[in-house]
Amino acid sequence: MPRKVFHSSPTDSGWKVTSNGRTLSTHRTQKGSERAATRAGRRAEAKGGLGQAVLHRSNRKIREERKYG
């Protein structure tokens, strides 16, 4: 089963969570966006799959990756 990857990355007006190039949610803060991405990754694992949260810095470079399952 392929891993579902959720990115928490900055936008011009805040932060967003994306998966497969689609925006799933928008947030005012980095912390809120990271929380949503990690929850989505854990939810994917809870459904019997593989999940991953990729957390970006404000300069868009990857800061941390968290894998679930």
N, C-alpha and C. Protein backbone atom coordinates (compact mmCIF):
# COMPACT_ATOMS: atom_id res chain seq x y z
N MET A 1 0.85 -1.17 0.00
CA MET A 1 0.00 0.00 0.00
C MET A 1 0.90 1.24 0.00
N PRO A 2 0.63 2.22 -0.85
CA PRO A 2 1.47 3.42 -0.89
C PRO A 2 1.27 4.29 0.34
N ARG A 3 2.30 5.02 0.68
CA ARG A 3 2.27 5.92 1.83
C ARG A 3 1.55 7.22 1.46
N LYS A 4 0.64 7.67 2.31
CA LYS A 4 -0.04 8.95 2.10
C LYS A 4 0.81 10.04 2.76
N VAL A 5 1.23 11.02 1.96
CA VAL A 5 2.14 12.06 2.43
C VAL A 5 1.39 13.38 2.56
N PHE A 6 1.55 14.03 3.70
CA PHE A 6 0.89 15.31 3.99
C PHE A 6 1.98 16.34 4.27
N HIS A 7 1.97 17.43 3.50
CA HIS A 7 2.98 18.49 3.64
C HIS A 7 2.38 19.68 4.39
N SER A 8 3.11 20.20 5.35
CA SER A 8 2.78 21.45 6.02
C SER A 8 3.77 22.48 5.49
N SER A 9 3.27 23.46 4.71
CA SER A 9 4.17 24.41 4.05
C SER A 9 3.60 25.82 4.07
N PRO A 10 4.48 26.83 3.95
CA PRO A 10 4.04 28.22 4.02
C PRO A 10 3.37 28.68 2.72
N THR A 11 2.50 29.67 2.87
CA THR A 11 1.88 30.35 1.73
C THR A 11 2.11 31.85 1.93
N ASP A 12 1.63 32.65 1.01
CA ASP A 12 1.76 34.10 1.15
C ASP A 12 0.93 34.64 2.32
N SER A 13 -0.13 33.91 2.68
CA SER A 13 -1.02 34.41 3.72
C SER A 13 -1.07 33.53 4.96
N GLY A 14 -0.17 32.57 5.09
CA GLY A 14 -0.18 31.69 6.27
C GLY A 14 0.47 30.37 5.95
N TRP A 15 -0.24 29.28 6.30
CA TRP A 15 0.28 27.92 6.12
C TRP A 15 -0.81 27.04 5.56
N LYS A 16 -0.41 25.93 4.90
CA LYS A 16 -1.38 25.01 4.34
C LYS A 16 -0.89 23.58 4.49
N VAL A 17 -1.86 22.65 4.43
CA VAL A 17 -1.56 21.23 4.41
C VAL A 17 -1.99 20.73 3.04
N THR A 18 -1.07 20.04 2.35
CA THR A 18 -1.36 19.51 1.03
C THR A 18 -1.05 18.01 0.98
N SER A 19 -1.71 17.34 0.04
CA SER A 19 -1.44 15.94 -0.25
C SER A 19 -1.73 15.72 -1.72
N ASN A 20 -0.79 15.11 -2.41
CA ASN A 20 -0.93 14.87 -3.86
C ASN A 20 -1.20 16.15 -4.63
N GLY A 21 -0.60 17.26 -4.20
CA GLY A 21 -0.75 18.53 -4.89
C GLY A 21 -2.03 19.29 -4.61
N ARG A 22 -2.90 18.73 -3.78
CA ARG A 22 -4.17 19.39 -3.45
C ARG A 22 -4.12 19.96 -2.04
N THR A 23 -4.61 21.17 -1.88
CA THR A 23 -4.68 21.79 -0.55
C THR A 23 -5.84 21.17 0.22
N LEU A 24 -5.52 20.63 1.41
CA LEU A 24 -6.53 20.02 2.26
C LEU A 24 -7.06 20.99 3.30
N SER A 25 -6.18 21.89 3.79
CA SER A 25 -6.61 22.87 4.79
C SER A 25 -5.62 24.03 4.81
N THR A 26 -6.10 25.17 5.31
CA THR A 26 -5.25 26.36 5.46
C THR A 26 -5.25 26.78 6.93
N HIS A 27 -4.16 27.41 7.35
CA HIS A 27 -3.98 27.75 8.77
C HIS A 27 -3.27 29.09 8.89
N ARG A 28 -3.54 29.79 9.98
CA ARG A 28 -2.87 31.07 10.23
C ARG A 28 -1.46 30.87 10.74
N THR A 29 -1.22 29.75 11.45
CA THR A 29 0.09 29.54 12.08
C THR A 29 0.75 28.26 11.60
N GLN A 30 2.06 28.23 11.73
CA GLN A 30 2.83 27.04 11.39
C GLN A 30 2.45 25.89 12.32
N LYS A 31 2.28 26.19 13.58
CA LYS A 31 1.94 25.16 14.57
C LYS A 31 0.61 24.48 14.22
N GLY A 32 -0.38 25.27 13.84
CA GLY A 32 -1.67 24.70 13.47
C GLY A 32 -1.58 23.82 12.24
N SER A 33 -0.80 24.24 11.27
CA SER A 33 -0.61 23.48 10.05
C SER A 33 0.12 22.16 10.34
N GLU A 34 1.15 22.22 11.16
CA GLU A 34 1.89 21.01 11.53
C GLU A 34 1.01 20.04 12.29
N ARG A 35 0.18 20.55 13.16
CA ARG A 35 -0.73 19.70 13.93
C ARG A 35 -1.69 18.98 12.98
N ALA A 36 -2.22 19.70 12.01
CA ALA A 36 -3.16 19.09 11.05
C ALA A 36 -2.46 18.04 10.19
N ALA A 37 -1.24 18.31 9.76
CA ALA A 37 -0.50 17.35 8.92
C ALA A 37 -0.18 16.07 9.70
N THR A 38 0.24 16.21 10.96
CA THR A 38 0.56 15.01 11.75
C THR A 38 -0.71 14.23 12.08
N ARG A 39 -1.80 14.91 12.34
CA ARG A 39 -3.07 14.20 12.59
C ARG A 39 -3.49 13.42 11.35
N ALA A 40 -3.35 14.03 10.18
CA ALA A 40 -3.71 13.35 8.93
C ALA A 40 -2.84 12.12 8.73
N GLY A 41 -1.55 12.23 9.02
CA GLY A 41 -0.66 11.07 8.90
C GLY A 41 -1.03 9.96 9.85
N ARG A 42 -1.37 10.32 11.06
CA ARG A 42 -1.78 9.31 12.06
C ARG A 42 -3.11 8.68 11.68
N ARG A 43 -4.00 9.49 11.12
CA ARG A 43 -5.31 8.98 10.69
C ARG A 43 -5.14 7.94 9.58
N ALA A 44 -4.21 8.21 8.65
CA ALA A 44 -3.95 7.26 7.58
C ALA A 44 -3.45 5.93 8.15
N GLU A 45 -2.61 6.01 9.17
CA GLU A 45 -2.11 4.79 9.83
C GLU A 45 -3.24 4.06 10.54
N ALA A 46 -4.11 4.81 11.22
CA ALA A 46 -5.20 4.21 11.97
C ALA A 46 -6.17 3.46 11.06
N LYS A 47 -6.23 3.88 9.80
CA LYS A 47 -7.11 3.20 8.83
C LYS A 47 -6.42 2.01 8.18
N GLY A 48 -5.25 1.64 8.71
CA GLY A 48 -4.56 0.45 8.22
C GLY A 48 -3.55 0.72 7.13
N GLY A 49 -3.26 1.98 6.86
CA GLY A 49 -2.31 2.32 5.81
C GLY A 49 -1.02 2.89 6.36
N LEU A 50 -0.30 3.56 5.50
CA LEU A 50 0.96 4.21 5.87
C LEU A 50 0.77 5.71 5.71
N GLY A 51 1.25 6.48 6.68
CA GLY A 51 1.13 7.93 6.62
C GLY A 51 2.47 8.60 6.85
N GLN A 52 2.58 9.84 6.40
CA GLN A 52 3.80 10.61 6.60
C GLN A 52 3.46 12.09 6.64
N ALA A 53 4.05 12.81 7.58
CA ALA A 53 3.92 14.26 7.66
C ALA A 53 5.28 14.87 7.34
N VAL A 54 5.31 15.76 6.36
CA VAL A 54 6.53 16.46 5.97
C VAL A 54 6.35 17.92 6.39
N LEU A 55 7.17 18.35 7.34
CA LEU A 55 7.05 19.69 7.92
C LEU A 55 8.13 20.59 7.33
N HIS A 56 7.69 21.70 6.73
CA HIS A 56 8.60 22.62 6.07
C HIS A 56 8.88 23.85 6.95
N ARG A 57 10.02 24.47 6.73
CA ARG A 57 10.36 25.74 7.37
C ARG A 57 9.69 26.87 6.59
N SER A 58 9.77 28.08 7.10
CA SER A 58 9.18 29.22 6.40
C SER A 58 9.89 29.50 5.08
N ASN A 59 11.13 29.00 4.91
CA ASN A 59 11.84 29.17 3.64
C ASN A 59 11.54 28.02 2.67
N ARG A 60 10.55 27.19 3.01
CA ARG A 60 10.05 26.07 2.21
C ARG A 60 10.95 24.82 2.19
N LYS A 61 12.07 24.86 2.87
CA LYS A 61 12.92 23.67 2.96
C LYS A 61 12.36 22.72 4.02
N ILE A 62 12.59 21.43 3.83
CA ILE A 62 12.07 20.43 4.77
C ILE A 62 12.82 20.54 6.09
N ARG A 63 12.04 20.63 7.17
CA ARG A 63 12.60 20.71 8.51
C ARG A 63 12.59 19.34 9.18
N GLU A 64 11.51 18.59 8.94
CA GLU A 64 11.33 17.31 9.63
C GLU A 64 10.35 16.43 8.85
N GLU A 65 10.58 15.12 8.92
CA GLU A 65 9.66 14.14 8.34
C GLU A 65 9.25 13.16 9.44
N ARG A 66 7.99 12.88 9.52
CA ARG A 66 7.47 11.92 10.50
C ARG A 66 6.72 10.84 9.75
N LYS A 67 7.10 9.58 9.97
CA LYS A 67 6.45 8.46 9.29
C LYS A 67 5.61 7.67 10.28
N TYR A 68 4.44 7.24 9.82
CA TYR A 68 3.51 6.49 10.64
C TYR A 68 3.16 5.19 9.94
N GLY A 69 3.28 4.08 10.67
CA GLY A 69 2.93 2.79 10.12
C GLY A 69 4.08 2.07 9.48
